[in-house]
Amino acid sequence: MTTVDRQHGEETDFGFQRVPVEEKARRVGEVFSSVARRYDLMNDLMSAGLHRFWKSQALRLIDARPGQQVLDLAAGTGDLSMGMARQVGGEGRVIVSDINQAMLETGRDRLLDEGLTGNLDYVIANAEQLPFPPRQFDRISIGFGLRNVTRIPRALRAMREALRPGGRLVILEFSSLYLPPLQPLYDLYSFRMLPLMGKLVANDADSYRYLAESIRLHPDQETLKTMMEEAGFEDVDYINLSGGIVALHHGHVY
């Protein structure tokens, strides 16, 4: 959430800290530069492999067609990009994008290792200020990246502007657990186990503490749905996965 502090100017959340707006992108960049090399391993450990199921569900919802132009924001190590490259085929185009150069390079190397070269381009981009012409894409995805954006409403409007009529945005993101009896256990896992795993596996407890905190501060399912509608998306809805630990939001442009 972004607010204005009369003494310090505009501030926003960085985990449970309040920081000047202009500092958040830099701090988030430091987090992901630190975790890039161990990102896939930590995803498997943190989710017990469930992230693969969540992403497969996202790809089913994205449902890119052969020949389409798609944009994968906050692409990370390229799981969604890989799936969409196969969906659009050789006549289509996938723009693999991330604000963090280390993550983008890690994803590019992985996709090259998978033999995917012909229909992929790589672009460093800020989701709030997309460097693309209006109405360029048939699909836009952002997986586990929206909560790291400083001004989410601004990013949603930018995505809306970049989609063609008939286009679709799919957001895969951690959300709010809707099973109250499990909340204490989930909190214990998030705030104790994740930083410990980060320290043991990636030698970086602080980054994974931030990631856990950022999940708690991300808008819940209904709030994000409303934000998408206010940004101009139509037929907005969401699907809860794993008890609401993760949600798939989708909206359309007509």
C-alpha atoms as a PDB file:
ATOM      1  CA  MET A   1       0.000   0.000   0.000  1.00  0.00           C
ATOM      2  CA  THR A   2       1.295   3.448  -0.973  1.00  0.00           C
ATOM      3  CA  THR A   3       0.669   6.395   1.343  1.00  0.00           C
ATOM      4  CA  VAL A   4       2.030   9.908   1.852  1.00  0.00           C
ATOM      5  CA  ASP A   5       3.999  10.683   5.002  1.00  0.00           C
ATOM      6  CA  ARG A   6       4.119  14.451   5.555  1.00  0.00           C
ATOM      7  CA  GLN A   7       7.704  14.326   6.780  1.00  0.00           C
ATOM      8  CA  HIS A   8       9.178  11.752   4.429  1.00  0.00           C
ATOM      9  CA  GLY A   9       7.017  11.985   1.278  1.00  0.00           C
ATOM     10  CA  GLU A  10       5.409   9.046  -0.495  1.00  0.00           C
ATOM     11  CA  GLU A  11       6.032   5.690   1.182  1.00  0.00           C
ATOM     12  CA  THR A  12       5.127   2.089   0.475  1.00  0.00           C
ATOM     13  CA  ASP A  13       5.476  -1.378   1.978  1.00  0.00           C
ATOM     14  CA  PHE A  14       8.652  -3.388   1.709  1.00  0.00           C
ATOM     15  CA  GLY A  15       7.638  -6.447   3.656  1.00  0.00           C
ATOM     16  CA  PHE A  16       6.628  -5.159   7.088  1.00  0.00           C
ATOM     17  CA  GLN A  17       8.829  -2.070   6.716  1.00  0.00           C
ATOM     18  CA  ARG A  18       7.804   1.319   5.341  1.00  0.00           C
ATOM     19  CA  VAL A  19      10.225   2.735   2.787  1.00  0.00           C
ATOM     20  CA  PRO A  20      10.240   5.672   0.356  1.00  0.00           C
ATOM     21  CA  VAL A  21       8.536   4.713  -2.897  1.00  0.00           C
ATOM     22  CA  GLU A  22      11.683   5.274  -4.927  1.00  0.00           C
ATOM     23  CA  GLU A  23      13.584   2.745  -2.780  1.00  0.00           C
ATOM     24  CA  LYS A  24      11.262  -0.244  -3.142  1.00  0.00           C
ATOM     25  CA  ALA A  25      12.259  -1.259  -6.667  1.00  0.00           C
ATOM     26  CA  ARG A  26      15.933  -1.148  -5.691  1.00  0.00           C
ATOM     27  CA  ARG A  27      15.374  -3.240  -2.578  1.00  0.00           C
ATOM     28  CA  VAL A  28      13.250  -5.783  -4.417  1.00  0.00           C
ATOM     29  CA  GLY A  29      15.980  -5.935  -7.051  1.00  0.00           C
ATOM     30  CA  GLU A  30      18.553  -6.749  -4.376  1.00  0.00           C
ATOM     31  CA  VAL A  31      16.339  -9.560  -3.067  1.00  0.00           C
ATOM     32  CA  PHE A  32      15.982 -11.237  -6.440  1.00  0.00           C
ATOM     33  CA  SER A  33      19.588 -10.700  -7.447  1.00  0.00           C
ATOM     34  CA  SER A  34      20.484 -12.540  -4.248  1.00  0.00           C
ATOM     35  CA  VAL A  35      18.129 -15.498  -4.773  1.00  0.00           C
ATOM     36  CA  ALA A  36      18.346 -15.901  -8.573  1.00  0.00           C
ATOM     37  CA  ARG A  37      20.787 -18.825  -8.646  1.00  0.00           C
ATOM     38  CA  ARG A  38      18.829 -20.859  -6.098  1.00  0.00           C
ATOM     39  CA  TYR A  39      15.377 -19.702  -7.128  1.00  0.00           C
ATOM     40  CA  ASP A  40      14.114 -22.939  -8.718  1.00  0.00           C
ATOM     41  CA  LEU A  41      15.470 -25.129  -5.931  1.00  0.00           C
ATOM     42  CA  MET A  42      13.883 -22.920  -3.285  1.00  0.00           C
ATOM     43  CA  ASN A  43      10.554 -22.916  -5.136  1.00  0.00           C
ATOM     44  CA  ASP A  44      10.503 -26.702  -5.018  1.00  0.00           C
ATOM     45  CA  LEU A  45      11.426 -26.768  -1.343  1.00  0.00           C
ATOM     46  CA  MET A  46       9.093 -23.956  -0.243  1.00  0.00           C
ATOM     47  CA  SER A  47       6.029 -25.322  -2.012  1.00  0.00           C
ATOM     48  CA  ALA A  48       6.851 -29.048  -1.795  1.00  0.00           C
ATOM     49  CA  GLY A  49       6.642 -28.997  -5.590  1.00  0.00           C
ATOM     50  CA  LEU A  50       3.145 -27.488  -5.654  1.00  0.00           C
ATOM     51  CA  HIS A  51       4.323 -24.481  -7.652  1.00  0.00           C
ATOM     52  CA  ARG A  52       4.460 -26.765 -10.693  1.00  0.00           C
ATOM     53  CA  PHE A  53       0.755 -27.570 -10.327  1.00  0.00           C
ATOM     54  CA  TRP A  54      -0.115 -23.896  -9.769  1.00  0.00           C
ATOM     55  CA  LYS A  55       1.734 -22.886 -12.929  1.00  0.00           C
ATOM     56  CA  SER A  56       0.125 -25.664 -14.960  1.00  0.00           C
ATOM     57  CA  GLN A  57      -3.273 -24.310 -13.926  1.00  0.00           C
ATOM     58  CA  ALA A  58      -2.182 -20.810 -14.922  1.00  0.00           C
ATOM     59  CA  LEU A  59      -1.142 -22.059 -18.359  1.00  0.00           C
ATOM     60  CA  ARG A  60      -4.511 -23.734 -18.845  1.00  0.00           C
ATOM     61  CA  LEU A  61      -6.196 -20.423 -18.081  1.00  0.00           C
ATOM     62  CA  ILE A  62      -3.809 -18.397 -20.276  1.00  0.00           C
ATOM     63  CA  ASP A  63      -4.645 -20.747 -23.179  1.00  0.00           C
ATOM     64  CA  ALA A  64      -2.536 -18.872 -25.732  1.00  0.00           C
ATOM     65  CA  ARG A  65      -3.279 -19.846 -29.317  1.00  0.00           C
ATOM     66  CA  PRO A  66      -0.859 -20.586 -32.167  1.00  0.00           C
ATOM     67  CA  GLY A  67       0.485 -17.397 -33.686  1.00  0.00           C
ATOM     68  CA  GLN A  68      -0.444 -15.107 -30.800  1.00  0.00           C
ATOM     69  CA  GLN A  69       1.746 -12.444 -29.188  1.00  0.00           C
ATOM     70  CA  VAL A  70       2.137 -12.870 -25.428  1.00  0.00           C
ATOM     71  CA  LEU A  71       3.977 -11.095 -22.618  1.00  0.00           C
ATOM     72  CA  ASP A  72       5.253 -12.837 -19.498  1.00  0.00           C
ATOM     73  CA  LEU A  73       5.954 -10.211 -16.836  1.00  0.00           C
ATOM     74  CA  ALA A  74       8.131 -11.002 -13.812  1.00  0.00           C
ATOM     75  CA  ALA A  75       9.066 -14.081 -15.795  1.00  0.00           C
ATOM     76  CA  GLY A  76      11.729 -15.218 -13.338  1.00  0.00           C
ATOM     77  CA  THR A  77      13.289 -18.477 -14.468  1.00  0.00           C
ATOM     78  CA  GLY A  78      10.764 -18.911 -17.252  1.00  0.00           C
ATOM     79  CA  ASP A  79       8.256 -21.610 -16.273  1.00  0.00           C
ATOM     80  CA  LEU A  80       5.258 -19.743 -17.698  1.00  0.00           C
ATOM     81  CA  SER A  81       7.296 -18.444 -20.645  1.00  0.00           C
ATOM     82  CA  MET A  82       8.248 -22.008 -21.535  1.00  0.00           C
ATOM     83  CA  GLY A  83       4.646 -23.165 -21.499  1.00  0.00           C
ATOM     84  CA  MET A  84       3.420 -20.200 -23.523  1.00  0.00           C
ATOM     85  CA  ALA A  85       6.203 -20.612 -26.103  1.00  0.00           C
ATOM     86  CA  ARG A  86       4.851 -24.091 -26.754  1.00  0.00           C
ATOM     87  CA  GLN A  87       1.274 -22.804 -26.898  1.00  0.00           C
ATOM     88  CA  VAL A  88       1.920 -20.076 -29.501  1.00  0.00           C
ATOM     89  CA  GLY A  89       4.256 -22.190 -31.619  1.00  0.00           C
ATOM     90  CA  GLY A  90       6.766 -21.027 -34.184  1.00  0.00           C
ATOM     91  CA  GLU A  91       4.476 -18.384 -35.690  1.00  0.00           C
ATOM     92  CA  GLY A  92       3.832 -16.746 -32.322  1.00  0.00           C
ATOM     93  CA  ARG A  93       6.029 -14.635 -30.090  1.00  0.00           C
ATOM     94  CA  VAL A  94       6.677 -14.621 -26.333  1.00  0.00           C
ATOM     95  CA  ILE A  95       8.244 -11.590 -24.698  1.00  0.00           C
ATOM     96  CA  VAL A  96      10.063 -12.824 -21.593  1.00  0.00           C
ATOM     97  CA  SER A  97      10.307  -9.867 -19.254  1.00  0.00           C
ATOM     98  CA  ASP A  98      11.583  -9.103 -15.782  1.00  0.00           C
ATOM     99  CA  ILE A  99      12.663  -5.930 -14.007  1.00  0.00           C
ATOM    100  CA  ASN A 100      15.679  -7.750 -12.557  1.00  0.00           C
ATOM    101  CA  GLN A 101      18.583  -8.486 -14.888  1.00  0.00           C
ATOM    102  CA  ALA A 102      19.936 -11.402 -12.837  1.00  0.00           C
ATOM    103  CA  MET A 103      16.563 -13.155 -12.896  1.00  0.00           C
ATOM    104  CA  LEU A 104      16.091 -12.483 -16.610  1.00  0.00           C
ATOM    105  CA  GLU A 105      19.539 -13.879 -17.420  1.00  0.00           C
ATOM    106  CA  THR A 106      18.862 -16.952 -15.292  1.00  0.00           C
ATOM    107  CA  GLY A 107      15.580 -17.506 -17.117  1.00  0.00           C
ATOM    108  CA  ARG A 108      17.171 -16.965 -20.534  1.00  0.00           C
ATOM    109  CA  ASP A 109      19.903 -19.514 -19.813  1.00  0.00           C
ATOM    110  CA  ARG A 110      17.345 -22.052 -18.654  1.00  0.00           C
ATOM    111  CA  LEU A 111      15.119 -21.584 -21.706  1.00  0.00           C
ATOM    112  CA  LEU A 112      18.127 -21.876 -24.002  1.00  0.00           C
ATOM    113  CA  ASP A 113      19.051 -25.123 -22.266  1.00  0.00           C
ATOM    114  CA  GLU A 114      15.516 -26.339 -23.006  1.00  0.00           C
ATOM    115  CA  GLY A 115      16.095 -25.641 -26.698  1.00  0.00           C
ATOM    116  CA  LEU A 116      13.616 -22.754 -26.874  1.00  0.00           C
ATOM    117  CA  THR A 117      15.066 -20.010 -29.059  1.00  0.00           C
ATOM    118  CA  GLY A 118      13.000 -19.201 -32.140  1.00  0.00           C
ATOM    119  CA  ASN A 119       9.950 -17.459 -30.698  1.00  0.00           C
ATOM    120  CA  LEU A 120      11.323 -15.793 -27.547  1.00  0.00           C
ATOM    121  CA  ASP A 121      12.576 -12.264 -26.930  1.00  0.00           C
ATOM    122  CA  TYR A 122      13.959 -10.913 -23.636  1.00  0.00           C
ATOM    123  CA  VAL A 123      13.196  -7.459 -22.276  1.00  0.00           C
ATOM    124  CA  ILE A 124      14.004  -5.774 -18.959  1.00  0.00           C
ATOM    125  CA  ALA A 125      10.786  -3.949 -18.087  1.00  0.00           C
ATOM    126  CA  ASN A 126       9.012  -2.311 -15.178  1.00  0.00           C
ATOM    127  CA  ALA A 127       5.386  -3.488 -15.020  1.00  0.00           C
ATOM    128  CA  GLU A 128       4.294   0.063 -14.161  1.00  0.00           C
ATOM    129  CA  GLN A 129       5.803   1.530 -17.336  1.00  0.00           C
ATOM    130  CA  LEU A 130       5.712  -1.087 -20.079  1.00  0.00           C
ATOM    131  CA  PRO A 131       7.974  -0.240 -23.036  1.00  0.00           C
ATOM    132  CA  PHE A 132       5.538  -1.567 -25.649  1.00  0.00           C
ATOM    133  CA  PRO A 133       3.021   0.018 -28.015  1.00  0.00           C
ATOM    134  CA  PRO A 134      -0.641  -0.075 -26.970  1.00  0.00           C
ATOM    135  CA  ARG A 135      -2.712  -3.120 -27.899  1.00  0.00           C
ATOM    136  CA  GLN A 136       0.255  -5.301 -28.786  1.00  0.00           C
ATOM    137  CA  PHE A 137      -0.481  -8.517 -26.882  1.00  0.00           C
ATOM    138  CA  ASP A 138      -3.138 -11.230 -26.930  1.00  0.00           C
ATOM    139  CA  ARG A 139      -2.172 -12.512 -23.491  1.00  0.00           C
ATOM    140  CA  ILE A 140      -0.273 -11.097 -20.524  1.00  0.00           C
ATOM    141  CA  SER A 141       0.772 -13.198 -17.551  1.00  0.00           C
ATOM    142  CA  ILE A 142       2.467 -12.284 -14.304  1.00  0.00           C
ATOM    143  CA  GLY A 143       3.366 -15.121 -11.954  1.00  0.00           C
ATOM    144  CA  PHE A 144       4.366 -14.440  -8.347  1.00  0.00           C
ATOM    145  CA  GLY A 145       5.486 -10.927  -9.240  1.00  0.00           C
ATOM    146  CA  LEU A 146       2.581  -8.560  -8.725  1.00  0.00           C
ATOM    147  CA  ARG A 147       3.101  -8.291  -4.971  1.00  0.00           C
ATOM    148  CA  ASN A 148       6.586  -6.884  -5.603  1.00  0.00           C
ATOM    149  CA  VAL A 149       5.251  -4.034  -7.742  1.00  0.00           C
ATOM    150  CA  THR A 150       5.319  -0.657  -6.019  1.00  0.00           C
ATOM    151  CA  ARG A 151       2.085   0.748  -7.487  1.00  0.00           C
ATOM    152  CA  ILE A 152      -0.191  -2.152  -8.405  1.00  0.00           C
ATOM    153  CA  PRO A 153      -3.040  -0.016  -9.836  1.00  0.00           C
ATOM    154  CA  ARG A 154      -0.586   1.693 -12.189  1.00  0.00           C
ATOM    155  CA  ALA A 155       0.772  -1.670 -13.344  1.00  0.00           C
ATOM    156  CA  LEU A 156      -2.727  -3.042 -13.943  1.00  0.00           C
ATOM    157  CA  ARG A 157      -3.587  -0.018 -16.099  1.00  0.00           C
ATOM    158  CA  ALA A 158      -0.365  -0.502 -18.082  1.00  0.00           C
ATOM    159  CA  MET A 159      -1.236  -4.151 -18.700  1.00  0.00           C
ATOM    160  CA  ARG A 160      -4.761  -3.190 -19.729  1.00  0.00           C
ATOM    161  CA  GLU A 161      -3.372  -0.711 -22.245  1.00  0.00           C
ATOM    162  CA  ALA A 162      -0.966  -3.284 -23.711  1.00  0.00           C
ATOM    163  CA  LEU A 163      -3.682  -5.856 -24.446  1.00  0.00           C
ATOM    164  CA  ARG A 164      -5.554  -6.092 -27.716  1.00  0.00           C
ATOM    165  CA  PRO A 165      -9.350  -6.368 -27.844  1.00  0.00           C
ATOM    166  CA  GLY A 166     -10.084  -9.987 -26.998  1.00  0.00           C
ATOM    167  CA  GLY A 167      -6.956 -10.142 -24.840  1.00  0.00           C
ATOM    168  CA  ARG A 168      -6.617 -11.678 -21.417  1.00  0.00           C
ATOM    169  CA  LEU A 169      -4.562 -10.998 -18.295  1.00  0.00           C
ATOM    170  CA  VAL A 170      -3.783 -13.882 -15.944  1.00  0.00           C
ATOM    171  CA  ILE A 171      -2.246 -13.207 -12.528  1.00  0.00           C
ATOM    172  CA  LEU A 172      -0.846 -16.074 -10.472  1.00  0.00           C
ATOM    173  CA  GLU A 173      -0.055 -14.874  -6.980  1.00  0.00           C
ATOM    174  CA  PHE A 174      -0.013 -15.842  -3.341  1.00  0.00           C
ATOM    175  CA  SER A 175      -3.242 -14.766  -1.704  1.00  0.00           C
ATOM    176  CA  SER A 176      -5.271 -15.137   1.504  1.00  0.00           C
ATOM    177  CA  LEU A 177      -5.898 -18.508   3.108  1.00  0.00           C
ATOM    178  CA  TYR A 178      -9.631 -19.070   3.558  1.00  0.00           C
ATOM    179  CA  LEU A 179      -9.320 -21.945   6.045  1.00  0.00           C
ATOM    180  CA  PRO A 180      -8.938 -20.161   9.449  1.00  0.00           C
ATOM    181  CA  PRO A 181      -7.915 -23.262  11.465  1.00  0.00           C
ATOM    182  CA  LEU A 182      -4.803 -23.569   9.287  1.00  0.00           C
ATOM    183  CA  GLN A 183      -3.699 -19.950   9.707  1.00  0.00           C
ATOM    184  CA  PRO A 184      -1.444 -20.474  12.766  1.00  0.00           C
ATOM    185  CA  LEU A 185       0.351 -23.337  11.041  1.00  0.00           C
ATOM    186  CA  TYR A 186       0.695 -21.285   7.864  1.00  0.00           C
ATOM    187  CA  ASP A 187       2.123 -18.371   9.849  1.00  0.00           C
ATOM    188  CA  LEU A 188       4.633 -20.635  11.566  1.00  0.00           C
ATOM    189  CA  TYR A 189       5.734 -22.011   8.227  1.00  0.00           C
ATOM    190  CA  SER A 190       5.937 -18.579   6.581  1.00  0.00           C
ATOM    191  CA  PHE A 191       7.782 -16.646   9.260  1.00  0.00           C
ATOM    192  CA  ARG A 192       9.949 -19.359  10.807  1.00  0.00           C
ATOM    193  CA  MET A 193      10.513 -22.114   8.261  1.00  0.00           C
ATOM    194  CA  LEU A 194      10.932 -20.044   5.091  1.00  0.00           C
ATOM    195  CA  PRO A 195      13.704 -17.804   6.474  1.00  0.00           C
ATOM    196  CA  LEU A 196      15.393 -20.893   7.941  1.00  0.00           C
ATOM    197  CA  MET A 197      15.311 -22.679   4.570  1.00  0.00           C
ATOM    198  CA  GLY A 198      16.584 -19.503   2.929  1.00  0.00           C
ATOM    199  CA  LYS A 199      19.517 -19.410   5.324  1.00  0.00           C
ATOM    200  CA  LEU A 200      20.381 -23.101   4.944  1.00  0.00           C
ATOM    201  CA  VAL A 201      19.925 -23.429   1.179  1.00  0.00           C
ATOM    202  CA  ALA A 202      20.573 -19.948  -0.219  1.00  0.00           C
ATOM    203  CA  ASN A 203      22.525 -18.403   2.664  1.00  0.00           C
ATOM    204  CA  ASP A 204      19.969 -15.606   2.701  1.00  0.00           C
ATOM    205  CA  ALA A 205      17.355 -15.582   5.459  1.00  0.00           C
ATOM    206  CA  ASP A 206      16.476 -11.899   5.008  1.00  0.00           C
ATOM    207  CA  SER A 207      15.307 -12.233   1.409  1.00  0.00           C
ATOM    208  CA  TYR A 208      12.961 -15.071   2.261  1.00  0.00           C
ATOM    209  CA  ARG A 209      11.695 -13.187   5.307  1.00  0.00           C
ATOM    210  CA  TYR A 210      10.800 -10.332   2.956  1.00  0.00           C
ATOM    211  CA  LEU A 211       9.062 -12.735   0.565  1.00  0.00           C
ATOM    212  CA  ALA A 212       6.920 -14.122   3.398  1.00  0.00           C
ATOM    213  CA  GLU A 213       6.034 -10.635   4.597  1.00  0.00           C
ATOM    214  CA  SER A 214       5.184  -9.449   1.085  1.00  0.00           C
ATOM    215  CA  ILE A 215       2.686 -12.297   0.752  1.00  0.00           C
ATOM    216  CA  ARG A 216       0.829 -11.158   3.868  1.00  0.00           C
ATOM    217  CA  LEU A 217       0.564  -7.580   2.617  1.00  0.00           C
ATOM    218  CA  HIS A 218      -0.650  -8.440  -0.885  1.00  0.00           C
ATOM    219  CA  PRO A 219      -4.313  -7.593  -1.571  1.00  0.00           C
ATOM    220  CA  ASP A 220      -6.705 -10.447  -0.875  1.00  0.00           C
ATOM    221  CA  GLN A 221      -8.764 -12.100  -3.593  1.00  0.00           C
ATOM    222  CA  GLU A 222     -11.723  -9.723  -3.606  1.00  0.00           C
ATOM    223  CA  THR A 223      -9.571  -6.605  -3.260  1.00  0.00           C
ATOM    224  CA  LEU A 224      -7.404  -7.539  -6.226  1.00  0.00           C
ATOM    225  CA  LYS A 225     -10.507  -8.368  -8.260  1.00  0.00           C
ATOM    226  CA  THR A 226     -11.849  -4.875  -7.559  1.00  0.00           C
ATOM    227  CA  MET A 227      -8.496  -3.307  -8.468  1.00  0.00           C
ATOM    228  CA  MET A 228      -8.549  -5.106 -11.819  1.00  0.00           C
ATOM    229  CA  GLU A 229     -12.080  -3.891 -12.525  1.00  0.00           C
ATOM    230  CA  GLU A 230     -11.086  -0.329 -11.644  1.00  0.00           C
ATOM    231  CA  ALA A 231      -8.171  -0.634 -14.095  1.00  0.00           C
ATOM    232  CA  GLY A 232     -10.656  -1.382 -16.882  1.00  0.00           C
ATOM    233  CA  PHE A 233     -10.703  -5.173 -17.071  1.00  0.00           C
ATOM    234  CA  GLU A 234     -13.998  -6.936 -17.694  1.00  0.00           C
ATOM    235  CA  ASP A 235     -15.366 -10.327 -16.645  1.00  0.00           C
ATOM    236  CA  VAL A 236     -12.838 -10.397 -13.800  1.00  0.00           C
ATOM    237  CA  ASP A 237     -12.826 -13.487 -11.620  1.00  0.00           C
ATOM    238  CA  TYR A 238     -10.446 -15.673  -9.637  1.00  0.00           C
ATOM    239  CA  ILE A 239      -9.810 -19.306  -8.795  1.00  0.00           C
ATOM    240  CA  ASN A 240      -8.470 -20.299  -5.393  1.00  0.00           C
ATOM    241  CA  LEU A 241      -5.801 -22.981  -5.330  1.00  0.00           C
ATOM    242  CA  SER A 242      -4.573 -24.911  -2.285  1.00  0.00           C
ATOM    243  CA  GLY A 243      -7.059 -23.346   0.102  1.00  0.00           C
ATOM    244  CA  GLY A 244      -6.364 -19.811  -1.068  1.00  0.00           C
ATOM    245  CA  ILE A 245      -2.619 -19.950  -0.503  1.00  0.00           C
ATOM    246  CA  VAL A 246      -2.518 -19.071  -4.186  1.00  0.00           C
ATOM    247  CA  ALA A 247      -5.140 -17.485  -6.429  1.00  0.00           C
ATOM    248  CA  LEU A 248      -5.459 -17.172 -10.188  1.00  0.00           C
ATOM    249  CA  HIS A 249      -7.065 -13.867 -11.189  1.00  0.00           C
ATOM    250  CA  HIS A 250      -8.100 -13.285 -14.784  1.00  0.00           C
ATOM    251  CA  GLY A 251      -9.612 -10.366 -16.636  1.00  0.00           C
ATOM    252  CA  HIS A 252     -10.457  -9.564 -20.247  1.00  0.00           C
ATOM    253  CA  VAL A 253     -10.309  -6.669 -22.681  1.00  0.00           C
ATOM    254  CA  TYR A 254     -13.124  -6.266 -25.222  1.00  0.00           C
END
